[in-house]
């Protein structure tokens, strides 16, 4: 680690009332957790059908059930059914949670 990086780490650690070693450890733990989450989200995405990927992309964009139904020319009940399956496959309880997981991605190709 170069001296500038260590100095930044020392300053952050001081603000958190921790040692630089504790702060570095927490940063590495968070990076590993983020990577695990990203891998898990990708795994879930790969298990969606093409239509479910479309539905997820529309949710990612923040669209409502009626908006998705019009865009895809399908019934709202069909959209709701797909949404339930997508949420279940990602193990989330709401569209908000799904959008949070998919936020880093660009899903515009699936729209």
Protein backbone atom coordinates (compact mmCIF):
# COMPACT_ATOMS: atom_id res chain seq x y z
CA UNK A 1 0.00 0.00 0.00
CA UNK A 2 1.41 3.39 -0.93
CA UNK A 3 1.81 6.13 1.65
CA UNK A 4 -1.12 8.23 0.35
CA UNK A 5 -3.50 5.30 0.55
CA UNK A 6 -2.33 4.46 4.05
CA UNK A 7 -2.75 8.08 5.12
CA UNK A 8 -6.32 8.10 3.80
CA UNK A 9 -7.01 4.84 5.60
CA UNK A 10 -5.54 6.27 8.81
CA UNK A 11 -7.77 9.37 8.57
CA UNK A 12 -10.90 7.30 7.95
CA UNK A 13 -10.00 4.97 10.82
CA UNK A 14 -9.47 7.91 13.13
CA UNK A 15 -12.91 9.34 12.27
CA UNK A 16 -14.46 5.95 13.02
CA UNK A 17 -12.49 5.54 16.24
CA UNK A 18 -10.89 2.36 14.88
CA UNK A 19 -7.42 1.19 14.02
CA UNK A 20 -6.34 1.31 10.37
CA UNK A 21 -6.24 -2.50 10.45
CA UNK A 22 -9.87 -2.70 11.65
CA UNK A 23 -10.95 -0.20 9.01
CA UNK A 24 -9.13 -2.04 6.23
CA UNK A 25 -10.64 -5.32 7.37
CA UNK A 26 -14.15 -3.82 7.31
CA UNK A 27 -13.55 -2.41 3.83
CA UNK A 28 -12.37 -5.78 2.53
CA UNK A 29 -15.32 -7.55 4.17
CA UNK A 30 -17.73 -5.09 2.54
CA UNK A 31 -16.05 -5.53 -0.86
CA UNK A 32 -16.37 -9.30 -0.57
CA UNK A 33 -20.01 -9.02 0.47
CA UNK A 34 -20.72 -6.69 -2.47
CA UNK A 35 -19.05 -9.13 -4.87
CA UNK A 36 -21.04 -12.03 -3.45
CA UNK A 37 -24.28 -10.07 -3.86
CA UNK A 38 -23.40 -9.12 -7.43
CA UNK A 39 -22.64 -12.74 -8.29
CA UNK A 40 -25.89 -13.90 -6.69
CA UNK A 41 -27.93 -11.28 -8.58
CA UNK A 42 -26.30 -12.37 -11.85
CA UNK A 43 -27.11 -16.00 -11.03
CA UNK A 44 -30.76 -15.07 -10.38
CA UNK A 45 -30.89 -13.08 -13.62
CA UNK A 46 -29.61 -16.04 -15.61
CA UNK A 47 -32.49 -18.16 -14.29
CA UNK A 48 -35.17 -15.82 -15.65
CA UNK A 49 -37.01 -16.58 -18.85
CA UNK A 50 -36.72 -14.03 -21.67
CA UNK A 51 -40.17 -12.59 -20.77
CA UNK A 52 -39.25 -12.42 -17.09
CA UNK A 53 -36.10 -10.49 -18.04
CA UNK A 54 -38.28 -8.03 -19.94
CA UNK A 55 -40.57 -7.63 -16.93
CA UNK A 56 -37.57 -7.15 -14.62
CA UNK A 57 -36.15 -4.51 -16.97
CA UNK A 58 -39.43 -2.61 -16.90
CA UNK A 59 -39.45 -2.81 -13.10
CA UNK A 60 -35.83 -1.62 -13.12
CA UNK A 61 -37.06 1.40 -15.09
CA UNK A 62 -39.74 2.02 -12.46
CA UNK A 63 -42.80 1.22 -14.54
CA UNK A 64 -46.15 0.21 -13.06
CA UNK A 65 -48.12 -2.92 -13.92
CA UNK A 66 -50.47 -1.04 -16.30
CA UNK A 67 -47.50 0.60 -18.04
CA UNK A 68 -45.73 -2.74 -18.48
CA UNK A 69 -48.90 -4.36 -19.79
CA UNK A 70 -49.29 -1.66 -22.44
CA UNK A 71 -45.62 -1.78 -23.43
CA UNK A 72 -45.64 -5.56 -23.84
CA UNK A 73 -49.26 -5.81 -25.05
CA UNK A 74 -50.17 -8.38 -22.42
CA UNK A 75 -52.82 -8.46 -19.69
CA UNK A 76 -52.13 -6.83 -16.34
CA UNK A 77 -52.82 -10.17 -14.64
CA UNK A 78 -50.05 -11.70 -16.76
CA UNK A 79 -47.69 -8.92 -15.72
CA UNK A 80 -48.59 -9.47 -12.07
CA UNK A 81 -47.91 -13.18 -12.42
CA UNK A 82 -44.50 -12.55 -13.98
CA UNK A 83 -43.67 -9.95 -11.32
CA UNK A 84 -44.45 -12.43 -8.54
CA UNK A 85 -42.19 -15.04 -10.14
CA UNK A 86 -39.36 -12.55 -10.69
CA UNK A 87 -39.55 -11.30 -7.10
CA UNK A 88 -39.55 -14.88 -5.84
CA UNK A 89 -36.53 -15.83 -7.98
CA UNK A 90 -34.60 -12.87 -6.56
CA UNK A 91 -35.90 -13.63 -3.06
CA UNK A 92 -37.19 -10.08 -2.54
CA UNK A 93 -40.56 -8.83 -1.33
CA UNK A 94 -41.02 -5.73 -3.43
CA UNK A 95 -40.24 -3.99 -6.68
CA UNK A 96 -38.23 -1.45 -4.70
CA UNK A 97 -35.92 -4.18 -3.42
CA UNK A 98 -35.57 -5.60 -6.93
CA UNK A 99 -34.75 -2.15 -8.35
CA UNK A 100 -32.09 -1.74 -5.67
CA UNK A 101 -30.47 -5.03 -6.71
CA UNK A 102 -30.65 -4.22 -10.42
CA UNK A 103 -29.75 -0.52 -10.10
CA UNK A 104 -26.09 -0.92 -11.11
CA UNK A 105 -27.03 -2.65 -14.36
CA UNK A 106 -28.08 -1.22 -17.71
CA UNK A 107 -31.08 -3.31 -18.73
CA UNK A 108 -32.23 -1.08 -21.56
CA UNK A 109 -31.48 -3.83 -24.11
CA UNK A 110 -34.29 -5.89 -22.54
CA UNK A 111 -36.93 -3.20 -22.94
